[in-house]
Amino acid sequence: MQLYTFSVAPNPQRIKIFLKMKGIDIPTTEVDIRAGEHFNDEFTSINPASTLPTLQLDNGTVLTDSVAICVYLEHLYPGKPLFGTTPSEYAQVIGWMHKLYTEGLMPIAEILRNQGDFFKNRAMPGKIDMPQIPALIERGKLRLDGFWQAMEEHLTEREFIVGKQLTQADIDCFVVCGFAGWAKETIPADYSSLLSWYNKIESILL
């Protein structure tokens, strides 16, 4: 296997922490998005969508989504389970991973990608030029406010997002909370349950 990543970005961070917690060591190639290396012919021949992370299996199969990569590696390395210990928990973790991406990570990306020169004509990931829409910045902030509130409510009287031990849902939410800093946003100071959860997860992961 070969993992292609840009380790400081949020989706690659989801994989990086997953690998660390599982104790898995996979040969890794850094692809510098800032230098446009994800558009080089060498990488697009592996992943035409130019997205990271990308996992190329020994048989040539290419996985290009964080959820798919985590699920594959979870089955390959079942020790130290990060998708729960029952079918119900497994399903919940998958559902939360999707929810955290669409309702947490994407609003932050909406704020970031619709302003500034770095993302000019790159308002969406991938190869297609996409113009920025400044009005989406405010919408992203409103969506993020809703995300904080939903997580505060969910984590009241809960130690972890799913079940009674750390799962990939906690890892993904932790990454989303950190990614918010890129947009100069933080967990609201009065959301004590979410803040307490974040500090605990940080002590486990880092």
C-alpha atoms as a PDB file:
ATOM      1  CA  MET A   1       0.000   0.000   0.000  1.00  0.00           C
ATOM      2  CA  GLN A   2       0.972   3.597  -0.536  1.00  0.00           C
ATOM      3  CA  LEU A   3      -0.719   6.573   1.124  1.00  0.00           C
ATOM      4  CA  TYR A   4      -0.662   9.949  -0.607  1.00  0.00           C
ATOM      5  CA  THR A   5      -1.466  12.824   1.711  1.00  0.00           C
ATOM      6  CA  PHE A   6      -1.027  16.460   2.663  1.00  0.00           C
ATOM      7  CA  SER A   7      -0.828  15.870   6.370  1.00  0.00           C
ATOM      8  CA  VAL A   8      -1.741  19.360   7.622  1.00  0.00           C
ATOM      9  CA  ALA A   9      -5.111  19.383   5.833  1.00  0.00           C
ATOM     10  CA  PRO A  10      -8.216  18.179   7.703  1.00  0.00           C
ATOM     11  CA  ASN A  11      -9.152  15.073   5.715  1.00  0.00           C
ATOM     12  CA  PRO A  12      -5.573  13.761   5.752  1.00  0.00           C
ATOM     13  CA  GLN A  13      -5.482  14.493   9.488  1.00  0.00           C
ATOM     14  CA  ARG A  14      -8.431  12.144   9.976  1.00  0.00           C
ATOM     15  CA  ILE A  15      -6.329   9.363   8.447  1.00  0.00           C
ATOM     16  CA  LYS A  16      -3.128  10.383  10.227  1.00  0.00           C
ATOM     17  CA  ILE A  17      -4.720  10.175  13.667  1.00  0.00           C
ATOM     18  CA  PHE A  18      -6.525   6.942  12.758  1.00  0.00           C
ATOM     19  CA  LEU A  19      -3.202   5.329  11.805  1.00  0.00           C
ATOM     20  CA  LYS A  20      -1.550   6.608  14.977  1.00  0.00           C
ATOM     21  CA  MET A  21      -4.275   5.243  17.238  1.00  0.00           C
ATOM     22  CA  LYS A  22      -4.276   1.887  15.437  1.00  0.00           C
ATOM     23  CA  GLY A  23      -0.488   1.658  15.461  1.00  0.00           C
ATOM     24  CA  ILE A  24      -0.367   1.172  11.681  1.00  0.00           C
ATOM     25  CA  ASP A  25       2.646   2.221   9.620  1.00  0.00           C
ATOM     26  CA  ILE A  26       1.992   2.686   5.890  1.00  0.00           C
ATOM     27  CA  PRO A  27       4.497   4.041   3.344  1.00  0.00           C
ATOM     28  CA  THR A  28       3.479   7.647   2.791  1.00  0.00           C
ATOM     29  CA  THR A  29       4.109  10.279   0.144  1.00  0.00           C
ATOM     30  CA  GLU A  30       3.446  13.945   0.907  1.00  0.00           C
ATOM     31  CA  VAL A  31       1.749  15.800  -1.951  1.00  0.00           C
ATOM     32  CA  ASP A  32       2.058  19.556  -1.443  1.00  0.00           C
ATOM     33  CA  ILE A  33      -1.256  21.164  -2.325  1.00  0.00           C
ATOM     34  CA  ARG A  34       0.236  24.628  -1.824  1.00  0.00           C
ATOM     35  CA  ALA A  35       2.647  23.924  -4.681  1.00  0.00           C
ATOM     36  CA  GLY A  36      -0.076  22.378  -6.847  1.00  0.00           C
ATOM     37  CA  GLU A  37       1.526  18.935  -6.764  1.00  0.00           C
ATOM     38  CA  HIS A  38      -1.902  17.261  -6.650  1.00  0.00           C
ATOM     39  CA  PHE A  39      -2.391  18.401 -10.253  1.00  0.00           C
ATOM     40  CA  ASN A  40       0.873  16.888 -11.502  1.00  0.00           C
ATOM     41  CA  ASP A  41       0.600  14.130 -14.085  1.00  0.00           C
ATOM     42  CA  GLU A  42       2.289  11.675 -11.737  1.00  0.00           C
ATOM     43  CA  PHE A  43      -0.434  12.067  -9.109  1.00  0.00           C
ATOM     44  CA  THR A  44      -3.430  12.472 -11.423  1.00  0.00           C
ATOM     45  CA  SER A  45      -2.497   9.172 -13.042  1.00  0.00           C
ATOM     46  CA  ILE A  46      -3.253   7.636  -9.626  1.00  0.00           C
ATOM     47  CA  ASN A  47      -6.189   9.837  -8.621  1.00  0.00           C
ATOM     48  CA  PRO A  48      -7.677  11.815 -11.529  1.00  0.00           C
ATOM     49  CA  ALA A  49      -9.828  13.807  -9.070  1.00  0.00           C
ATOM     50  CA  SER A  50      -6.647  15.304  -7.527  1.00  0.00           C
ATOM     51  CA  THR A  51      -7.946  14.915  -3.974  1.00  0.00           C
ATOM     52  CA  LEU A  52      -6.170  13.868  -0.794  1.00  0.00           C
ATOM     53  CA  PRO A  53      -5.831  11.569   1.018  1.00  0.00           C
ATOM     54  CA  THR A  54      -5.500   8.755  -1.517  1.00  0.00           C
ATOM     55  CA  LEU A  55      -4.644   5.151  -0.671  1.00  0.00           C
ATOM     56  CA  GLN A  56      -3.329   2.904  -3.434  1.00  0.00           C
ATOM     57  CA  LEU A  57      -3.616  -0.791  -2.605  1.00  0.00           C
ATOM     58  CA  ASP A  58      -1.128  -3.433  -3.683  1.00  0.00           C
ATOM     59  CA  ASN A  59      -3.560  -4.734  -6.311  1.00  0.00           C
ATOM     60  CA  GLY A  60      -3.869  -1.282  -7.881  1.00  0.00           C
ATOM     61  CA  THR A  61      -7.223  -0.364  -6.339  1.00  0.00           C
ATOM     62  CA  VAL A  62      -7.341   3.304  -5.326  1.00  0.00           C
ATOM     63  CA  LEU A  63      -9.391   4.627  -2.396  1.00  0.00           C
ATOM     64  CA  THR A  64      -9.920   8.373  -2.440  1.00  0.00           C
ATOM     65  CA  ASP A  65     -12.313   9.055   0.451  1.00  0.00           C
ATOM     66  CA  SER A  66     -11.367   9.249   4.112  1.00  0.00           C
ATOM     67  CA  VAL A  67     -14.327   7.100   5.166  1.00  0.00           C
ATOM     68  CA  ALA A  68     -13.462   4.411   2.613  1.00  0.00           C
ATOM     69  CA  ILE A  69      -9.801   4.392   3.669  1.00  0.00           C
ATOM     70  CA  CYS A  70     -10.670   4.112   7.364  1.00  0.00           C
ATOM     71  CA  VAL A  71     -13.244   1.356   6.793  1.00  0.00           C
ATOM     72  CA  TYR A  72     -10.803  -0.661   4.684  1.00  0.00           C
ATOM     73  CA  LEU A  73      -7.993  -0.367   7.212  1.00  0.00           C
ATOM     74  CA  GLU A  74     -10.351  -1.084  10.121  1.00  0.00           C
ATOM     75  CA  HIS A  75     -11.228  -4.426   8.549  1.00  0.00           C
ATOM     76  CA  LEU A  76      -7.615  -5.130   7.672  1.00  0.00           C
ATOM     77  CA  TYR A  77      -6.379  -4.279  11.171  1.00  0.00           C
ATOM     78  CA  PRO A  78      -9.247  -5.099  13.580  1.00  0.00           C
ATOM     79  CA  GLY A  79      -7.121  -4.690  16.710  1.00  0.00           C
ATOM     80  CA  LYS A  80      -7.821  -1.517  18.705  1.00  0.00           C
ATOM     81  CA  PRO A  81     -11.249  -1.021  17.093  1.00  0.00           C
ATOM     82  CA  LEU A  82     -12.123   2.541  16.152  1.00  0.00           C
ATOM     83  CA  PHE A  83     -15.575   1.796  14.707  1.00  0.00           C
ATOM     84  CA  GLY A  84     -17.152   0.484  17.893  1.00  0.00           C
ATOM     85  CA  THR A  85     -17.542  -3.090  19.029  1.00  0.00           C
ATOM     86  CA  THR A  86     -21.082  -3.910  17.851  1.00  0.00           C
ATOM     87  CA  PRO A  87     -22.927  -3.639  14.512  1.00  0.00           C
ATOM     88  CA  SER A  88     -25.030  -0.836  15.979  1.00  0.00           C
ATOM     89  CA  GLU A  89     -21.965   1.165  17.037  1.00  0.00           C
ATOM     90  CA  TYR A  90     -20.322   0.534  13.665  1.00  0.00           C
ATOM     91  CA  ALA A  91     -23.359   1.945  11.864  1.00  0.00           C
ATOM     92  CA  GLN A  92     -23.500   4.939  14.199  1.00  0.00           C
ATOM     93  CA  VAL A  93     -19.820   5.757  13.680  1.00  0.00           C
ATOM     94  CA  ILE A  94     -20.273   5.677   9.885  1.00  0.00           C
ATOM     95  CA  GLY A  95     -23.311   7.941  10.200  1.00  0.00           C
ATOM     96  CA  TRP A  96     -21.468  10.375  12.438  1.00  0.00           C
ATOM     97  CA  MET A  97     -18.482  10.505  10.100  1.00  0.00           C
ATOM     98  CA  HIS A  98     -20.816  11.617   7.325  1.00  0.00           C
ATOM     99  CA  LYS A  99     -22.615  14.097   9.589  1.00  0.00           C
ATOM    100  CA  LEU A 100     -19.371  15.593  10.889  1.00  0.00           C
ATOM    101  CA  TYR A 101     -18.100  16.057   7.348  1.00  0.00           C
ATOM    102  CA  THR A 102     -21.244  17.649   5.931  1.00  0.00           C
ATOM    103  CA  GLU A 103     -22.327  19.692   8.961  1.00  0.00           C
ATOM    104  CA  GLY A 104     -18.925  20.531  10.478  1.00  0.00           C
ATOM    105  CA  LEU A 105     -16.067  20.383   8.036  1.00  0.00           C
ATOM    106  CA  MET A 106     -17.953  21.645   4.977  1.00  0.00           C
ATOM    107  CA  PRO A 107     -19.236  24.884   6.579  1.00  0.00           C
ATOM    108  CA  ILE A 108     -15.660  25.723   7.582  1.00  0.00           C
ATOM    109  CA  ALA A 109     -14.470  24.967   4.058  1.00  0.00           C
ATOM    110  CA  GLU A 110     -17.283  27.185   2.777  1.00  0.00           C
ATOM    111  CA  ILE A 111     -15.963  30.086   4.869  1.00  0.00           C
ATOM    112  CA  LEU A 112     -12.357  29.530   3.795  1.00  0.00           C
ATOM    113  CA  ARG A 113     -12.756  28.775   0.113  1.00  0.00           C
ATOM    114  CA  ASN A 114     -15.003  31.714  -0.699  1.00  0.00           C
ATOM    115  CA  GLN A 115     -12.484  34.393   0.296  1.00  0.00           C
ATOM    116  CA  GLY A 116      -8.862  35.288  -0.386  1.00  0.00           C
ATOM    117  CA  ASP A 117      -6.541  34.768  -3.336  1.00  0.00           C
ATOM    118  CA  PHE A 118      -5.321  31.298  -2.378  1.00  0.00           C
ATOM    119  CA  PHE A 119      -8.698  29.740  -3.237  1.00  0.00           C
ATOM    120  CA  LYS A 120      -9.502  32.042  -6.139  1.00  0.00           C
ATOM    121  CA  ASN A 121     -11.427  29.903  -8.654  1.00  0.00           C
ATOM    122  CA  ARG A 122     -10.888  26.970  -6.249  1.00  0.00           C
ATOM    123  CA  ALA A 123     -14.038  27.340  -4.148  1.00  0.00           C
ATOM    124  CA  MET A 124     -14.569  23.568  -4.317  1.00  0.00           C
ATOM    125  CA  PRO A 125     -11.940  20.796  -4.237  1.00  0.00           C
ATOM    126  CA  GLY A 126     -11.126  18.911  -7.414  1.00  0.00           C
ATOM    127  CA  LYS A 127      -9.987  19.783 -10.915  1.00  0.00           C
ATOM    128  CA  ILE A 128     -12.860  22.010 -12.056  1.00  0.00           C
ATOM    129  CA  ASP A 129     -12.409  25.765 -11.597  1.00  0.00           C
ATOM    130  CA  MET A 130     -15.124  27.056  -9.290  1.00  0.00           C
ATOM    131  CA  PRO A 131     -15.624  30.790  -8.645  1.00  0.00           C
ATOM    132  CA  GLN A 132     -15.899  32.096  -5.110  1.00  0.00           C
ATOM    133  CA  ILE A 133     -19.285  33.233  -3.807  1.00  0.00           C
ATOM    134  CA  PRO A 134     -18.658  35.685  -0.929  1.00  0.00           C
ATOM    135  CA  ALA A 135     -22.245  35.355   0.331  1.00  0.00           C
ATOM    136  CA  LEU A 136     -21.471  31.759   1.260  1.00  0.00           C
ATOM    137  CA  ILE A 137     -19.035  32.959   3.927  1.00  0.00           C
ATOM    138  CA  GLU A 138     -21.892  34.174   6.121  1.00  0.00           C
ATOM    139  CA  ARG A 139     -23.896  31.046   5.408  1.00  0.00           C
ATOM    140  CA  GLY A 140     -20.914  28.938   6.425  1.00  0.00           C
ATOM    141  CA  LYS A 141     -20.708  30.795   9.729  1.00  0.00           C
ATOM    142  CA  LEU A 142     -24.401  30.221  10.395  1.00  0.00           C
ATOM    143  CA  ARG A 143     -24.029  26.528   9.586  1.00  0.00           C
ATOM    144  CA  LEU A 144     -21.030  26.298  11.901  1.00  0.00           C
ATOM    145  CA  ASP A 145     -23.017  27.933  14.714  1.00  0.00           C
ATOM    146  CA  GLY A 146     -25.628  25.220  14.263  1.00  0.00           C
ATOM    147  CA  PHE A 147     -22.938  22.540  14.330  1.00  0.00           C
ATOM    148  CA  TRP A 148     -21.483  23.789  17.619  1.00  0.00           C
ATOM    149  CA  GLN A 149     -24.941  23.812  19.184  1.00  0.00           C
ATOM    150  CA  ALA A 150     -25.776  20.300  17.964  1.00  0.00           C
ATOM    151  CA  MET A 151     -22.506  18.884  19.309  1.00  0.00           C
ATOM    152  CA  GLU A 152     -22.949  20.637  22.657  1.00  0.00           C
ATOM    153  CA  GLU A 153     -26.391  19.062  22.997  1.00  0.00           C
ATOM    154  CA  HIS A 154     -25.184  15.617  21.931  1.00  0.00           C
ATOM    155  CA  LEU A 155     -22.186  15.574  24.249  1.00  0.00           C
ATOM    156  CA  THR A 156     -24.064  16.689  27.344  1.00  0.00           C
ATOM    157  CA  GLU A 157     -23.667  13.778  29.785  1.00  0.00           C
ATOM    158  CA  ARG A 158     -21.673  11.771  27.204  1.00  0.00           C
ATOM    159  CA  GLU A 159     -17.967  10.969  27.306  1.00  0.00           C
ATOM    160  CA  PHE A 160     -17.706   9.974  23.648  1.00  0.00           C
ATOM    161  CA  ILE A 161     -19.765  10.579  20.534  1.00  0.00           C
ATOM    162  CA  VAL A 162     -20.649   6.888  20.104  1.00  0.00           C
ATOM    163  CA  GLY A 163     -20.582   4.266  22.828  1.00  0.00           C
ATOM    164  CA  LYS A 164     -18.223   4.260  25.769  1.00  0.00           C
ATOM    165  CA  GLN A 165     -14.842   4.429  24.081  1.00  0.00           C
ATOM    166  CA  LEU A 166     -12.982   6.516  21.512  1.00  0.00           C
ATOM    167  CA  THR A 167     -14.078   5.961  17.921  1.00  0.00           C
ATOM    168  CA  GLN A 168     -13.341   7.510  14.556  1.00  0.00           C
ATOM    169  CA  ALA A 169     -16.320   9.789  15.156  1.00  0.00           C
ATOM    170  CA  ASP A 170     -14.394  11.428  18.008  1.00  0.00           C
ATOM    171  CA  ILE A 171     -11.289  11.698  15.838  1.00  0.00           C
ATOM    172  CA  ASP A 172     -13.244  13.338  13.021  1.00  0.00           C
ATOM    173  CA  CYS A 173     -14.969  15.802  15.351  1.00  0.00           C
ATOM    174  CA  PHE A 174     -11.638  16.674  16.962  1.00  0.00           C
ATOM    175  CA  VAL A 175     -10.210  17.423  13.504  1.00  0.00           C
ATOM    176  CA  VAL A 176     -13.221  19.572  12.624  1.00  0.00           C
ATOM    177  CA  CYS A 177     -12.805  21.597  15.827  1.00  0.00           C
ATOM    178  CA  GLY A 178      -9.142  22.212  15.023  1.00  0.00           C
ATOM    179  CA  PHE A 179      -9.914  23.037  11.390  1.00  0.00           C
ATOM    180  CA  ALA A 180     -12.265  25.789  12.559  1.00  0.00           C
ATOM    181  CA  GLY A 181      -9.178  27.720  13.633  1.00  0.00           C
ATOM    182  CA  TRP A 182      -8.183  28.052   9.980  1.00  0.00           C
ATOM    183  CA  ALA A 183     -11.298  30.207   9.571  1.00  0.00           C
ATOM    184  CA  LYS A 184     -10.589  32.025  12.860  1.00  0.00           C
ATOM    185  CA  GLU A 185     -13.522  30.273  14.502  1.00  0.00           C
ATOM    186  CA  THR A 186     -13.514  28.405  17.831  1.00  0.00           C
ATOM    187  CA  ILE A 187     -15.862  26.407  20.029  1.00  0.00           C
ATOM    188  CA  PRO A 188     -18.068  28.967  21.841  1.00  0.00           C
ATOM    189  CA  ALA A 189     -16.824  29.571  25.373  1.00  0.00           C
ATOM    190  CA  ASP A 190     -20.199  28.760  26.970  1.00  0.00           C
ATOM    191  CA  TYR A 191     -20.426  25.292  25.396  1.00  0.00           C
ATOM    192  CA  SER A 192     -18.960  23.548  28.419  1.00  0.00           C
ATOM    193  CA  SER A 193     -19.801  19.965  27.405  1.00  0.00           C
ATOM    194  CA  LEU A 194     -18.200  20.306  23.992  1.00  0.00           C
ATOM    195  CA  LEU A 195     -15.146  22.036  25.436  1.00  0.00           C
ATOM    196  CA  SER A 196     -14.750  19.366  28.115  1.00  0.00           C
ATOM    197  CA  TRP A 197     -15.030  16.634  25.487  1.00  0.00           C
ATOM    198  CA  TYR A 198     -12.475  18.392  23.260  1.00  0.00           C
ATOM    199  CA  ASN A 199      -9.918  18.714  26.065  1.00  0.00           C
ATOM    200  CA  LYS A 200     -10.326  15.044  26.975  1.00  0.00           C
ATOM    201  CA  ILE A 201      -9.972  13.855  23.370  1.00  0.00           C
ATOM    202  CA  GLU A 202      -6.934  16.084  22.910  1.00  0.00           C
ATOM    203  CA  SER A 203      -5.264  14.424  25.903  1.00  0.00           C
ATOM    204  CA  ILE A 204      -5.948  10.994  24.387  1.00  0.00           C
ATOM    205  CA  LEU A 205      -4.908  11.762  20.820  1.00  0.00           C
ATOM    206  CA  LEU A 206      -1.941  14.058  21.398  1.00  0.00           C
END
